[in-house]
Amino acid sequence: MGKACKKCLLIVEKGTRCPICKSKDLSQKYKGEIIIFDPNNSKIAKEIDAKSPGKYAIRVK
């Protein structure tokens, strides 16, 4: 189980830093997962402001 970035919601599987926003503020407490394949054409990606493909958390504590 990965950790979710509190800034951009990306789920980070390895390491202690988010590869997208470079934040070290990660949490193991998150709910739900969304997989974004094409952020340019995804309404959900626009809602969560996802700019890169990947696995994102729905909510992070």
PDB file of N, CA and C in Angstrom:
ATOM      1  N   MET A   1       0.836  -1.184   0.000  1.00  0.00           N
ATOM      2  CA  MET A   1       0.000   0.000   0.000  1.00  0.00           C
ATOM      3  C   MET A   1       0.876   1.240   0.000  1.00  0.00           C
ATOM      4  N   GLY A   2       0.582   2.159  -0.877  1.00  0.00           N
ATOM      5  CA  GLY A   2       1.372   3.372  -0.989  1.00  0.00           C
ATOM      6  C   GLY A   2       0.899   4.461  -0.044  1.00  0.00           C
ATOM      7  N   LYS A   3       1.508   5.609  -0.196  1.00  0.00           N
ATOM      8  CA  LYS A   3       1.147   6.790   0.578  1.00  0.00           C
ATOM      9  C   LYS A   3       0.628   7.842  -0.391  1.00  0.00           C
ATOM     10  N   ALA A   4      -0.348   8.623   0.053  1.00  0.00           N
ATOM     11  CA  ALA A   4      -0.937   9.645  -0.804  1.00  0.00           C
ATOM     12  C   ALA A   4      -0.347  11.007  -0.466  1.00  0.00           C
ATOM     13  N   CYS A   5      -0.045  11.764  -1.505  1.00  0.00           N
ATOM     14  CA  CYS A   5       0.459  13.122  -1.343  1.00  0.00           C
ATOM     15  C   CYS A   5      -0.697  14.024  -0.901  1.00  0.00           C
ATOM     16  N   LYS A   6      -0.476  14.792   0.151  1.00  0.00           N
ATOM     17  CA  LYS A   6      -1.523  15.678   0.665  1.00  0.00           C
ATOM     18  C   LYS A   6      -1.753  16.887  -0.233  1.00  0.00           C
ATOM     19  N   LYS A   7      -0.798  17.216  -1.097  1.00  0.00           N
ATOM     20  CA  LYS A   7      -0.949  18.370  -1.990  1.00  0.00           C
ATOM     21  C   LYS A   7      -1.662  18.011  -3.294  1.00  0.00           C
ATOM     22  N   CYS A   8      -1.163  16.996  -4.006  1.00  0.00           N
ATOM     23  CA  CYS A   8      -1.713  16.692  -5.332  1.00  0.00           C
ATOM     24  C   CYS A   8      -2.501  15.382  -5.395  1.00  0.00           C
ATOM     25  N   LEU A   9      -2.570  14.636  -4.285  1.00  0.00           N
ATOM     26  CA  LEU A   9      -3.344  13.394  -4.145  1.00  0.00           C
ATOM     27  C   LEU A   9      -2.748  12.177  -4.856  1.00  0.00           C
ATOM     28  N   LEU A  10      -1.600  12.311  -5.488  1.00  0.00           N
ATOM     29  CA  LEU A  10      -0.976  11.171  -6.156  1.00  0.00           C
ATOM     30  C   LEU A  10      -0.605  10.117  -5.120  1.00  0.00           C
ATOM     31  N   ILE A  11      -0.829   8.849  -5.441  1.00  0.00           N
ATOM     32  CA  ILE A  11      -0.424   7.759  -4.558  1.00  0.00           C
ATOM     33  C   ILE A  11       0.998   7.361  -4.930  1.00  0.00           C
ATOM     34  N   VAL A  12       1.897   7.500  -3.967  1.00  0.00           N
ATOM     35  CA  VAL A  12       3.324   7.233  -4.155  1.00  0.00           C
ATOM     36  C   VAL A  12       3.619   5.836  -3.624  1.00  0.00           C
ATOM     37  N   GLU A  13       4.065   4.937  -4.495  1.00  0.00           N
ATOM     38  CA  GLU A  13       4.350   3.556  -4.106  1.00  0.00           C
ATOM     39  C   GLU A  13       5.741   3.398  -3.498  1.00  0.00           C
ATOM     40  N   LYS A  14       6.709   4.166  -3.991  1.00  0.00           N
ATOM     41  CA  LYS A  14       8.093   4.047  -3.517  1.00  0.00           C
ATOM     42  C   LYS A  14       8.634   5.421  -3.175  1.00  0.00           C
ATOM     43  N   GLY A  15       9.450   5.475  -2.155  1.00  0.00           N
ATOM     44  CA  GLY A  15      10.105   6.725  -1.804  1.00  0.00           C
ATOM     45  C   GLY A  15       9.325   7.548  -0.787  1.00  0.00           C
ATOM     46  N   THR A  16       9.888   8.702  -0.462  1.00  0.00           N
ATOM     47  CA  THR A  16       9.308   9.576   0.552  1.00  0.00           C
ATOM     48  C   THR A  16       8.964  10.953  -0.005  1.00  0.00           C
ATOM     49  N   ARG A  17       9.000  11.088  -1.328  1.00  0.00           N
ATOM     50  CA  ARG A  17       8.726  12.371  -1.971  1.00  0.00           C
ATOM     51  C   ARG A  17       7.825  12.135  -3.181  1.00  0.00           C
ATOM     52  N   CYS A  18       6.869  13.030  -3.370  1.00  0.00           N
ATOM     53  CA  CYS A  18       5.965  12.943  -4.513  1.00  0.00           C
ATOM     54  C   CYS A  18       6.725  13.288  -5.799  1.00  0.00           C
ATOM     55  N   PRO A  19       6.672  12.422  -6.798  1.00  0.00           N
ATOM     56  CA  PRO A  19       7.406  12.706  -8.040  1.00  0.00           C
ATOM     57  C   PRO A  19       6.797  13.849  -8.865  1.00  0.00           C
ATOM     58  N   ILE A  20       5.548  14.213  -8.602  1.00  0.00           N
ATOM     59  CA  ILE A  20       4.900  15.277  -9.369  1.00  0.00           C
ATOM     60  C   ILE A  20       5.157  16.646  -8.758  1.00  0.00           C
ATOM     61  N   CYS A  21       4.781  16.816  -7.483  1.00  0.00           N
ATOM     62  CA  CYS A  21       4.887  18.146  -6.861  1.00  0.00           C
ATOM     63  C   CYS A  21       6.085  18.276  -5.917  1.00  0.00           C
ATOM     64  N   LYS A  22       6.839  17.191  -5.748  1.00  0.00           N
ATOM     65  CA  LYS A  22       8.062  17.154  -4.926  1.00  0.00           C
ATOM     66  C   LYS A  22       7.809  17.338  -3.427  1.00  0.00           C
ATOM     67  N   SER A  23       6.550  17.241  -2.994  1.00  0.00           N
ATOM     68  CA  SER A  23       6.209  17.381  -1.585  1.00  0.00           C
ATOM     69  C   SER A  23       6.636  16.135  -0.807  1.00  0.00           C
ATOM     70  N   LYS A  24       7.018  16.327   0.442  1.00  0.00           N
ATOM     71  CA  LYS A  24       7.324  15.212   1.339  1.00  0.00           C
ATOM     72  C   LYS A  24       6.172  14.953   2.302  1.00  0.00           C
ATOM     73  N   ASP A  25       5.071  15.685   2.131  1.00  0.00           N
ATOM     74  CA  ASP A  25       3.908  15.577   3.005  1.00  0.00           C
ATOM     75  C   ASP A  25       3.006  14.458   2.500  1.00  0.00           C
ATOM     76  N   LEU A  26       3.338  13.203   2.875  1.00  0.00           N
ATOM     77  CA  LEU A  26       2.605  12.023   2.429  1.00  0.00           C
ATOM     78  C   LEU A  26       1.858  11.400   3.606  1.00  0.00           C
ATOM     79  N   SER A  27       0.753  10.739   3.320  1.00  0.00           N
ATOM     80  CA  SER A  27      -0.055  10.122   4.364  1.00  0.00           C
ATOM     81  C   SER A  27      -0.467   8.713   3.956  1.00  0.00           C
ATOM     82  N   GLN A  28      -0.457   7.810   4.929  1.00  0.00           N
ATOM     83  CA  GLN A  28      -0.943   6.455   4.684  1.00  0.00           C
ATOM     84  C   GLN A  28      -2.457   6.395   4.833  1.00  0.00           C
ATOM     85  N   LYS A  29      -3.056   7.453   5.369  1.00  0.00           N
ATOM     86  CA  LYS A  29      -4.497   7.488   5.601  1.00  0.00           C
ATOM     87  C   LYS A  29      -5.186   8.220   4.452  1.00  0.00           C
ATOM     88  N   TYR A  30      -5.725   7.435   3.534  1.00  0.00           N
ATOM     89  CA  TYR A  30      -6.477   7.998   2.418  1.00  0.00           C
ATOM     90  C   TYR A  30      -7.620   7.057   2.073  1.00  0.00           C
ATOM     91  N   LYS A  31      -8.623   7.580   1.385  1.00  0.00           N
ATOM     92  CA  LYS A  31      -9.780   6.780   0.992  1.00  0.00           C
ATOM     93  C   LYS A  31      -9.962   6.817  -0.518  1.00  0.00           C
ATOM     94  N   GLY A  32     -10.204   5.661  -1.081  1.00  0.00           N
ATOM     95  CA  GLY A  32     -10.508   5.535  -2.490  1.00  0.00           C
ATOM     96  C   GLY A  32      -9.341   5.811  -3.406  1.00  0.00           C
ATOM     97  N   GLU A  33      -9.425   5.244  -4.582  1.00  0.00           N
ATOM     98  CA  GLU A  33      -8.375   5.433  -5.589  1.00  0.00           C
ATOM     99  C   GLU A  33      -9.003   5.700  -6.949  1.00  0.00           C
ATOM    100  N   ILE A  34      -8.370   6.571  -7.700  1.00  0.00           N
ATOM    101  CA  ILE A  34      -8.772   6.884  -9.070  1.00  0.00           C
ATOM    102  C   ILE A  34      -7.544   6.685  -9.942  1.00  0.00           C
ATOM    103  N   ILE A  35      -7.710   6.019 -11.064  1.00  0.00           N
ATOM    104  CA  ILE A  35      -6.599   5.878 -12.014  1.00  0.00           C
ATOM    105  C   ILE A  35      -6.891   6.790 -13.203  1.00  0.00           C
ATOM    106  N   ILE A  36      -5.986   7.713 -13.446  1.00  0.00           N
ATOM    107  CA  ILE A  36      -6.119   8.667 -14.546  1.00  0.00           C
ATOM    108  C   ILE A  36      -5.184   8.236 -15.674  1.00  0.00           C
ATOM    109  N   PHE A  37      -5.750   7.970 -16.846  1.00  0.00           N
ATOM    110  CA  PHE A  37      -4.955   7.589 -18.009  1.00  0.00           C
ATOM    111  C   PHE A  37      -4.663   8.781 -18.908  1.00  0.00           C
ATOM    112  N   ASP A  38      -5.668   9.617 -19.117  1.00  0.00           N
ATOM    113  CA  ASP A  38      -5.545  10.754 -20.022  1.00  0.00           C
ATOM    114  C   ASP A  38      -6.070  12.010 -19.321  1.00  0.00           C
ATOM    115  N   PRO A  39      -5.205  12.705 -18.567  1.00  0.00           N
ATOM    116  CA  PRO A  39      -5.668  13.855 -17.786  1.00  0.00           C
ATOM    117  C   PRO A  39      -6.214  15.009 -18.624  1.00  0.00           C
ATOM    118  N   ASN A  40      -5.818  15.114 -19.872  1.00  0.00           N
ATOM    119  CA  ASN A  40      -6.297  16.203 -20.725  1.00  0.00           C
ATOM    120  C   ASN A  40      -7.760  16.045 -21.130  1.00  0.00           C
ATOM    121  N   ASN A  41      -8.240  14.805 -21.177  1.00  0.00           N
ATOM    122  CA  ASN A  41      -9.611  14.546 -21.617  1.00  0.00           C
ATOM    123  C   ASN A  41     -10.488  13.948 -20.515  1.00  0.00           C
ATOM    124  N   SER A  42     -10.062  14.046 -19.271  1.00  0.00           N
ATOM    125  CA  SER A  42     -10.798  13.456 -18.161  1.00  0.00           C
ATOM    126  C   SER A  42     -11.444  14.537 -17.303  1.00  0.00           C
ATOM    127  N   LYS A  43     -12.769  14.424 -17.118  1.00  0.00           N
ATOM    128  CA  LYS A  43     -13.473  15.371 -16.257  1.00  0.00           C
ATOM    129  C   LYS A  43     -13.048  15.198 -14.795  1.00  0.00           C
ATOM    130  N   ILE A  44     -12.816  13.966 -14.388  1.00  0.00           N
ATOM    131  CA  ILE A  44     -12.379  13.705 -13.009  1.00  0.00           C
ATOM    132  C   ILE A  44     -10.996  14.296 -12.780  1.00  0.00           C
ATOM    133  N   ALA A  45     -10.101  14.164 -13.740  1.00  0.00           N
ATOM    134  CA  ALA A  45      -8.759  14.746 -13.609  1.00  0.00           C
ATOM    135  C   ALA A  45      -8.840  16.256 -13.439  1.00  0.00           C
ATOM    136  N   LYS A  46      -9.746  16.882 -14.157  1.00  0.00           N
ATOM    137  CA  LYS A  46      -9.918  18.330 -14.015  1.00  0.00           C
ATOM    138  C   LYS A  46     -10.464  18.689 -12.638  1.00  0.00           C
ATOM    139  N   GLU A  47     -11.359  17.864 -12.098  1.00  0.00           N
ATOM    140  CA  GLU A  47     -11.941  18.113 -10.768  1.00  0.00           C
ATOM    141  C   GLU A  47     -10.877  18.062  -9.675  1.00  0.00           C
ATOM    142  N   ILE A  48      -9.954  17.110  -9.777  1.00  0.00           N
ATOM    143  CA  ILE A  48      -8.917  16.989  -8.740  1.00  0.00           C
ATOM    144  C   ILE A  48      -7.618  17.690  -9.149  1.00  0.00           C
ATOM    145  N   ASP A  49      -7.643  18.350 -10.282  1.00  0.00           N
ATOM    146  CA  ASP A  49      -6.500  19.102 -10.810  1.00  0.00           C
ATOM    147  C   ASP A  49      -5.283  18.210 -11.077  1.00  0.00           C
ATOM    148  N   ALA A  50      -5.538  17.011 -11.616  1.00  0.00           N
ATOM    149  CA  ALA A  50      -4.463  16.074 -11.954  1.00  0.00           C
ATOM    150  C   ALA A  50      -3.922  16.416 -13.336  1.00  0.00           C
ATOM    151  N   LYS A  51      -2.623  16.662 -13.421  1.00  0.00           N
ATOM    152  CA  LYS A  51      -1.993  17.042 -14.684  1.00  0.00           C
ATOM    153  C   LYS A  51      -1.222  15.892 -15.331  1.00  0.00           C
ATOM    154  N   SER A  52      -1.006  14.804 -14.569  1.00  0.00           N
ATOM    155  CA  SER A  52      -0.229  13.668 -15.060  1.00  0.00           C
ATOM    156  C   SER A  52      -1.007  12.369 -14.872  1.00  0.00           C
ATOM    157  N   PRO A  53      -0.784  11.391 -15.748  1.00  0.00           N
ATOM    158  CA  PRO A  53      -1.416  10.087 -15.542  1.00  0.00           C
ATOM    159  C   PRO A  53      -0.900   9.442 -14.257  1.00  0.00           C
ATOM    160  N   GLY A  54      -1.725   8.637 -13.622  1.00  0.00           N
ATOM    161  CA  GLY A  54      -1.296   7.940 -12.418  1.00  0.00           C
ATOM    162  C   GLY A  54      -2.464   7.553 -11.543  1.00  0.00           C
ATOM    163  N   LYS A  55      -2.138   7.031 -10.361  1.00  0.00           N
ATOM    164  CA  LYS A  55      -3.141   6.614  -9.387  1.00  0.00           C
ATOM    165  C   LYS A  55      -3.259   7.705  -8.326  1.00  0.00           C
ATOM    166  N   TYR A  56      -4.479   8.181  -8.090  1.00  0.00           N
ATOM    167  CA  TYR A  56      -4.732   9.279  -7.174  1.00  0.00           C
ATOM    168  C   TYR A  56      -5.706   8.856  -6.084  1.00  0.00           C
ATOM    169  N   ALA A  57      -5.566   9.464  -4.913  1.00  0.00           N
ATOM    170  CA  ALA A  57      -6.495   9.227  -3.808  1.00  0.00           C
ATOM    171  C   ALA A  57      -7.699  10.143  -3.954  1.00  0.00           C
ATOM    172  N   ILE A  58      -8.842   9.688  -3.466  1.00  0.00           N
ATOM    173  CA  ILE A  58     -10.035  10.521  -3.495  1.00  0.00           C
ATOM    174  C   ILE A  58      -9.998  11.512  -2.328  1.00  0.00           C
ATOM    175  N   ARG A  59      -9.614  11.021  -1.149  1.00  0.00           N
ATOM    176  CA  ARG A  59      -9.523  11.894   0.027  1.00  0.00           C
ATOM    177  C   ARG A  59      -8.310  11.494   0.856  1.00  0.00           C
ATOM    178  N   VAL A  60      -7.587  12.465   1.366  1.00  0.00           N
ATOM    179  CA  VAL A  60      -6.392  12.222   2.174  1.00  0.00           C
ATOM    180  C   VAL A  60      -6.561  12.901   3.521  1.00  0.00           C
ATOM    181  N   LYS A  61      -6.214  12.161   4.578  1.00  0.00           N
ATOM    182  CA  LYS A  61      -6.272  12.725   5.932  1.00  0.00           C
ATOM    183  C   LYS A  61      -4.912  13.145   6.379  1.00  0.00           C
TER     184      LYS A  61
END
